[in-house]
Amino acid sequence: MSVSLYDLLDVPENATATEIRAAWKAAIADLDPTDRRFRAYNDAAGVLLDPEKRAAYDLELAAERDEQPSDDAPADAPVDAGAPVDAGPAPVPTVEPAKKERRASEVDPVEEPAPTSKPAAAAPTPDRQGPPTWALAAATALAVLSVALLVVVLSWPGSLGGDSPAAKEDQAAAAEEAGVSARAAADSAIPVVLGYDYRTLDQDFAEAEELLTDEFAEKRTALFDQQAESGLTLREQVVKDKVVVQAAVAATGLTRVSSDGEQATVVVYVNQDSQKGKQTPRSLKMWATLSMVADGDDWLLDDICTETDCS
C-alpha cells in the first residue's frame, strides 16, 4: 500500500482539522515554495482540510486496504505422504444377514413401476396456485441482476443528473486555475494591506481598500479610527510616532477552493518589519489565513486570521 496523506503529514486518521493544519504548517515551515515536498504537503492538507474531499479519500483508502491480501488466513496443514491414513473404525460383522437384508428393504424401499393397464385413469395434476419454480428462480436472478446494475449505474459519473467525467475535468481545471490566481493575488495583496508609511498613510489606505471587500475595508477603517488610551486614534498615533511598516510574503499555500471557484482560502507566512521613528526596527513573523473572494478576474481579501485555529 502506498503512503497515505495522513502518513505524509504524520497525523492519525482521526486527527482534527486543527491538528492537520498544525502538522501542515510545521511540515512546510522550512521549505522553499519551489520544493516538491512543499507542493505535496499543500495537496495533502488541501484534501484533509476539506470535509467532502476527506470523506471521499477515507472511503478510497478503506477500499484500497480491503483489496490487500490478508496475511492472517491460516495456511493448510501439510500432509505427510508417509503417514498412515485413518479410515475410521472397522465395520462390525453382522451375524444375522436375513435381518440385515430386511432392514435394508425397510430403509430403502424399491419404488415399483406404475401400472400400465389403465393409463387414462391417472390422477389429474392439481392446478398450481403460483408461478412455476423455474419462473421464481428466473425472477430472483433478474432481481439480483437489477440491483447490481443499479449499483453500477449509480456509481457512474453523471448518473441521475450527476456530473459527467468531462464536466468533472473541466471543474477540476477551473478550480486549479482559480487556486493559482488566488495565491498570486494573496502574494501581491499582503505587502499593501499589512504595510503602511506615516508619510503616505492616506494613499496607502486608499490602495489597500481596492484589494479588500467592502465589509472588510469597513472593519479595517474602524480599527484605525479607534481611540487609544492617549486619546488619539490609531491612525493619528501612527503619524505622531512616525511608524513605518513593511510586509512581505515568504511562502504561500492553498488550502481550499470552492466548487464554483468563487472563494478560496490561502495560508501565507508573513515577515513584517516595523519601525517607530529612529528606534531599532522590530521584526514579526507569523502565519496568516486569508479568505479570498473572486471579483470578476480579480480576487479580493475578505478576512485575515492570525489565530492558531482559523477554521
Protein backbone atom coordinates (compact mmCIF):
# COMPACT_ATOMS: atom_id res chain seq x y z
CA MET A 1 0.00 0.00 0.00
CA SER A 2 1.29 3.46 -0.84
CA VAL A 3 1.89 6.12 1.81
CA SER A 4 -1.38 7.79 2.80
CA LEU A 5 -1.92 11.52 3.15
CA TYR A 6 -2.19 11.00 6.91
CA ASP A 7 1.24 9.36 6.93
CA LEU A 8 2.64 12.17 4.79
CA LEU A 9 1.56 14.78 7.35
CA ASP A 10 2.32 12.41 10.27
CA VAL A 11 -1.15 12.64 11.81
CA PRO A 12 -3.61 9.92 12.87
CA GLU A 13 -6.58 9.20 10.64
CA ASN A 14 -8.94 10.65 13.25
CA ALA A 15 -6.99 13.90 13.53
CA THR A 16 -8.98 17.12 13.81
CA ALA A 17 -8.73 19.99 11.33
CA THR A 18 -6.67 21.92 13.88
CA GLU A 19 -4.18 19.06 14.24
CA ILE A 20 -3.92 18.64 10.47
CA ARG A 21 -3.39 22.37 9.91
CA ALA A 22 -0.71 22.48 12.62
CA ALA A 23 1.08 19.47 11.11
CA TRP A 24 0.93 21.03 7.65
CA LYS A 25 2.38 24.32 8.90
CA ALA A 26 5.19 22.51 10.67
CA ALA A 27 5.94 20.43 7.56
CA ILE A 28 6.36 23.41 5.19
CA ALA A 29 7.87 25.85 7.67
CA ASP A 30 11.44 25.33 6.44
CA LEU A 31 10.66 24.51 2.80
CA ASP A 32 11.03 26.72 -0.23
CA PRO A 33 7.80 27.15 -2.28
CA THR A 34 9.60 25.60 -5.26
CA ASP A 35 10.40 22.43 -3.29
CA ARG A 36 8.43 19.38 -4.44
CA ARG A 37 7.67 18.48 -0.84
CA PHE A 38 6.05 21.90 -0.36
CA ARG A 39 3.54 21.09 -3.11
CA ALA A 40 2.98 17.57 -1.76
CA TYR A 41 2.24 18.84 1.76
CA ASN A 42 -0.09 21.52 0.35
CA ASP A 43 -2.01 18.98 -1.72
CA ALA A 44 -2.34 16.63 1.26
CA ALA A 45 -3.61 19.40 3.53
CA GLY A 46 -5.97 20.60 0.79
CA VAL A 47 -7.69 17.19 0.79
CA LEU A 48 -7.73 16.54 4.54
CA LEU A 49 -8.94 20.05 5.46
CA ASP A 50 -11.88 19.81 3.05
CA PRO A 51 -14.63 17.71 4.73
CA GLU A 52 -16.07 16.41 1.43
CA LYS A 53 -12.69 15.58 -0.10
CA ARG A 54 -11.54 13.96 3.15
CA ALA A 55 -14.64 11.75 3.36
CA ALA A 56 -14.14 10.62 -0.24
CA TYR A 57 -10.45 9.96 0.40
CA ASP A 58 -11.22 7.92 3.55
CA LEU A 59 -13.58 5.71 1.53
CA GLU A 60 -10.95 5.28 -1.17
CA LEU A 61 -8.33 4.44 1.46
CA ALA A 62 -10.61 1.85 3.09
CA ALA A 63 -11.36 0.25 -0.28
CA GLU A 64 -7.66 0.07 -1.08
CA ARG A 65 -6.99 -1.70 2.21
CA ASP A 66 -9.82 -4.18 1.60
CA GLU A 67 -8.18 -5.17 -1.67
CA GLN A 68 -4.91 -6.09 0.05
CA PRO A 69 -4.41 -9.90 0.55
CA SER A 70 -4.93 -10.97 4.14
CA ASP A 71 -1.83 -12.22 5.96
CA ASP A 72 -3.87 -13.70 8.80
CA ALA A 73 -5.51 -16.54 6.83
CA PRO A 74 -4.38 -19.91 8.27
CA ALA A 75 -2.29 -21.99 5.92
CA ASP A 76 -3.41 -25.52 5.05
CA ALA A 77 -1.81 -28.13 7.29
CA PRO A 78 0.95 -30.08 5.45
CA VAL A 79 0.16 -33.66 4.57
CA ASP A 80 2.71 -36.36 5.36
CA ALA A 81 2.70 -38.80 2.44
CA GLY A 82 4.26 -41.50 4.59
CA ALA A 83 1.78 -41.31 7.44
CA PRO A 84 -0.91 -43.98 7.61
CA VAL A 85 -4.37 -42.86 6.68
CA ASP A 86 -7.03 -43.33 9.32
CA ALA A 87 -10.03 -44.78 7.55
CA GLY A 88 -12.14 -44.81 10.68
CA PRO A 89 -13.34 -47.76 12.77
CA ALA A 90 -13.58 -51.12 11.10
CA PRO A 91 -17.14 -52.28 10.32
CA VAL A 92 -18.69 -54.72 12.78
CA PRO A 93 -19.59 -58.04 11.14
CA THR A 94 -23.28 -58.88 11.06
CA VAL A 95 -24.38 -62.26 12.31
CA GLU A 96 -27.99 -62.01 11.07
CA PRO A 97 -27.86 -61.50 7.28
CA ALA A 98 -31.55 -62.10 6.85
CA LYS A 99 -32.47 -59.45 9.38
CA LYS A 100 -29.95 -57.03 7.82
CA GLU A 101 -31.47 -57.66 4.43
CA ARG A 102 -34.94 -56.96 5.79
CA ARG A 103 -33.82 -53.72 7.45
CA ALA A 104 -32.26 -52.58 4.22
CA SER A 105 -35.55 -53.05 2.47
CA GLU A 106 -37.25 -51.05 5.17
CA VAL A 107 -34.82 -48.18 4.91
CA ASP A 108 -34.53 -48.03 1.13
CA PRO A 109 -37.82 -49.29 -0.32
CA VAL A 110 -37.75 -50.08 -4.02
CA GLU A 111 -40.14 -47.96 -5.99
CA GLU A 112 -42.44 -50.20 -8.04
CA PRO A 113 -43.30 -49.17 -11.58
CA ALA A 114 -46.68 -47.60 -12.08
CA PRO A 115 -49.35 -49.90 -13.53
CA THR A 116 -49.76 -49.64 -17.31
CA SER A 117 -53.15 -51.26 -17.64
CA LYS A 118 -55.05 -48.02 -17.08
CA PRO A 119 -53.02 -45.10 -18.40
CA ALA A 120 -56.08 -42.91 -18.85
CA ALA A 121 -57.04 -43.23 -15.20
CA ALA A 122 -54.03 -41.28 -13.93
CA ALA A 123 -54.99 -38.64 -11.42
CA PRO A 124 -55.10 -35.14 -12.94
CA THR A 125 -52.35 -32.75 -11.90
CA PRO A 126 -53.76 -30.19 -9.48
CA ASP A 127 -53.68 -26.57 -10.64
CA ARG A 128 -50.71 -24.62 -9.27
CA GLN A 129 -51.55 -21.62 -7.15
CA GLY A 130 -48.45 -19.61 -8.26
CA PRO A 131 -45.79 -19.43 -10.96
CA PRO A 132 -43.64 -22.49 -11.65
CA THR A 133 -40.37 -22.98 -9.79
CA TRP A 134 -38.21 -22.09 -12.80
CA ALA A 135 -40.09 -18.79 -13.13
CA LEU A 136 -39.45 -17.92 -9.48
CA ALA A 137 -35.75 -18.72 -9.91
CA ALA A 138 -35.56 -16.57 -13.03
CA ALA A 139 -37.35 -13.70 -11.31
CA THR A 140 -34.95 -13.90 -8.36
CA ALA A 141 -31.95 -13.86 -10.67
CA LEU A 142 -33.33 -10.86 -12.55
CA ALA A 143 -33.95 -9.01 -9.28
CA VAL A 144 -30.35 -9.59 -8.15
CA LEU A 145 -29.07 -8.53 -11.57
CA SER A 146 -31.22 -5.40 -11.48
CA VAL A 147 -29.82 -4.39 -8.09
CA ALA A 148 -26.27 -4.99 -9.30
CA LEU A 149 -26.86 -2.94 -12.43
CA LEU A 150 -28.43 -0.17 -10.36
CA VAL A 151 -25.34 -0.01 -8.14
CA VAL A 152 -23.07 0.09 -11.18
CA VAL A 153 -25.12 2.77 -12.91
CA LEU A 154 -25.30 4.90 -9.77
CA SER A 155 -21.53 4.68 -9.48
CA TRP A 156 -21.08 6.09 -12.98
CA PRO A 157 -20.18 9.80 -13.04
CA GLY A 158 -23.08 11.69 -14.49
CA SER A 159 -25.78 9.16 -13.47
CA LEU A 160 -29.08 10.57 -12.26
CA GLY A 161 -28.12 14.12 -13.06
CA GLY A 162 -24.54 13.95 -11.70
CA ASP A 163 -21.55 15.47 -13.41
CA SER A 164 -20.04 13.66 -16.38
CA PRO A 165 -16.31 12.87 -16.45
CA ALA A 166 -15.75 15.72 -18.88
CA ALA A 167 -17.64 18.12 -16.62
CA LYS A 168 -15.61 16.99 -13.62
CA GLU A 169 -12.37 17.50 -15.53
CA ASP A 170 -13.46 21.00 -16.51
CA GLN A 171 -14.45 21.74 -12.92
CA ALA A 172 -11.11 20.47 -11.60
CA ALA A 173 -9.21 22.52 -14.17
CA ALA A 174 -11.21 25.62 -13.29
CA ALA A 175 -10.61 25.07 -9.57
CA GLU A 176 -6.88 24.64 -10.14
CA GLU A 177 -6.74 27.81 -12.22
CA ALA A 178 -8.71 29.67 -9.55
CA GLY A 179 -6.32 28.42 -6.87
CA VAL A 180 -3.27 29.65 -8.78
CA SER A 181 -4.78 33.10 -9.30
CA ALA A 182 -5.91 33.29 -5.65
CA ARG A 183 -2.39 32.56 -4.41
CA ALA A 184 -0.95 35.17 -6.75
CA ALA A 185 -3.50 37.72 -5.51
CA ALA A 186 -2.60 36.94 -1.89
CA ASP A 187 1.11 37.42 -2.63
CA SER A 188 0.50 40.88 -4.06
CA ALA A 189 -2.14 41.96 -1.51
CA ILE A 190 -0.26 41.27 1.74
CA PRO A 191 2.50 43.90 1.29
CA VAL A 192 -0.14 46.55 0.53
CA VAL A 193 -2.69 45.62 3.19
CA LEU A 194 -0.28 44.91 6.06
CA GLY A 195 2.22 47.64 5.24
CA TYR A 196 1.95 51.45 5.55
CA ASP A 197 4.06 54.58 5.95
CA TYR A 198 3.06 57.51 8.18
CA ARG A 199 4.16 59.92 5.42
CA THR A 200 1.79 58.44 2.82
CA LEU A 201 -0.86 56.99 5.11
CA ASP A 202 -3.93 58.22 3.22
CA GLN A 203 -2.57 56.97 -0.09
CA ASP A 204 -1.61 53.63 1.46
CA PHE A 205 -5.12 53.20 2.88
CA ALA A 206 -6.73 54.02 -0.47
CA GLU A 207 -4.58 51.46 -2.29
CA ALA A 208 -5.32 48.81 0.31
CA GLU A 209 -9.09 49.33 0.11
CA GLU A 210 -9.01 48.47 -3.59
CA LEU A 211 -7.86 44.97 -2.64
CA LEU A 212 -10.49 44.43 0.08
CA THR A 213 -14.17 43.60 0.08
CA ASP A 214 -16.40 46.45 1.24
CA GLU A 215 -17.15 44.72 4.54
CA PHE A 216 -13.51 44.04 5.36
CA ALA A 217 -12.50 47.56 4.32
CA GLU A 218 -15.03 48.96 6.80
CA LYS A 219 -13.64 46.77 9.60
CA ARG A 220 -10.08 47.90 8.83
CA THR A 221 -11.07 51.56 8.78
CA ALA A 222 -12.95 51.18 12.07
CA LEU A 223 -9.85 49.60 13.63
CA PHE A 224 -7.61 52.54 12.72
CA ASP A 225 -10.26 55.02 13.87
CA GLN A 226 -10.43 53.55 17.39
CA GLN A 227 -9.15 55.78 20.16
CA ALA A 228 -6.22 54.62 22.27
CA GLU A 229 -5.59 55.48 25.92
CA SER A 230 -3.69 58.54 24.77
CA GLY A 231 -6.89 59.95 23.32
CA LEU A 232 -5.56 59.65 19.77
CA THR A 233 -6.89 57.29 17.16
CA LEU A 234 -4.62 54.56 15.88
CA ARG A 235 -4.21 56.46 12.62
CA GLU A 236 -3.18 59.61 14.49
CA GLN A 237 -0.82 57.62 16.70
CA VAL A 238 0.90 56.18 13.62
CA VAL A 239 1.55 59.68 12.28
CA LYS A 240 2.67 61.00 15.67
CA ASP A 241 5.13 58.15 16.28
CA LYS A 242 6.30 58.13 12.64
CA VAL A 243 5.59 54.45 12.20
CA VAL A 244 6.68 52.62 9.04
CA VAL A 245 5.57 49.02 8.49
CA GLN A 246 6.74 46.76 5.67
CA ALA A 247 5.31 43.31 4.99
CA ALA A 248 6.48 40.53 2.69
CA VAL A 249 5.24 37.02 1.94
CA ALA A 250 7.79 34.27 2.47
CA ALA A 251 5.58 31.33 1.47
CA THR A 252 2.01 30.63 0.42
CA GLY A 253 -0.16 27.56 0.41
CA LEU A 254 -3.65 27.00 -0.98
CA THR A 255 -5.86 25.07 1.43
CA ARG A 256 -9.26 25.23 -0.22
CA VAL A 257 -11.14 26.41 -3.32
CA SER A 258 -14.94 26.29 -3.52
CA SER A 259 -16.52 24.11 -6.20
CA ASP A 260 -17.69 27.17 -8.13
CA GLY A 261 -14.24 28.78 -7.95
CA GLU A 262 -15.63 31.89 -6.25
CA GLN A 263 -14.00 31.50 -2.82
CA ALA A 264 -10.55 30.39 -1.72
CA THR A 265 -8.56 30.04 1.49
CA VAL A 266 -4.84 30.80 1.31
CA VAL A 267 -2.31 30.41 4.12
CA VAL A 268 0.72 32.72 3.97
CA TYR A 269 3.87 33.09 6.04
CA VAL A 270 4.42 36.81 6.59
CA ASN A 271 7.55 38.72 7.53
CA GLN A 272 6.52 42.12 8.94
CA ASP A 273 9.13 44.74 9.90
CA SER A 274 8.07 47.89 11.77
CA GLN A 275 9.99 50.96 12.89
CA LYS A 276 8.89 53.81 15.13
CA GLY A 277 10.84 56.98 14.46
CA LYS A 278 14.55 56.33 14.88
CA GLN A 279 14.12 53.35 17.14
CA THR A 280 15.53 49.95 16.25
CA PRO A 281 13.26 48.11 13.77
CA ARG A 282 11.27 45.19 15.09
CA SER A 283 10.54 42.03 13.11
CA LEU A 284 7.44 39.85 13.37
CA LYS A 285 6.99 36.51 11.62
CA MET A 286 3.58 34.89 11.59
CA TRP A 287 1.19 32.61 9.75
CA ALA A 288 -1.96 34.21 8.41
CA THR A 289 -5.03 32.59 6.90
CA LEU A 290 -6.60 34.69 4.15
CA SER A 291 -10.19 34.38 2.96
CA MET A 292 -10.34 35.38 -0.70
CA VAL A 293 -13.44 36.19 -2.77
CA ALA A 294 -13.47 36.29 -6.57
CA ASP A 295 -14.38 39.62 -8.16
CA GLY A 296 -14.51 39.04 -11.89
CA ASP A 297 -10.98 38.18 -12.96
CA ASP A 298 -9.54 39.51 -9.70
CA TRP A 299 -9.57 38.38 -6.07
CA LEU A 300 -10.45 40.49 -3.05
CA LEU A 301 -9.32 39.92 0.50
CA ASP A 302 -12.32 39.28 2.76
CA ASP A 303 -10.61 38.40 6.05
CA ILE A 304 -7.22 37.89 7.70
CA CYS A 305 -6.86 35.49 10.62
CA THR A 306 -3.63 35.14 12.58
CA GLU A 307 -5.03 32.93 15.33
CA THR A 308 -3.98 29.31 15.90
CA ASP A 309 -7.38 27.97 14.88
CA CYS A 310 -8.89 29.82 11.91
CA SER A 311 -11.32 27.06 10.89
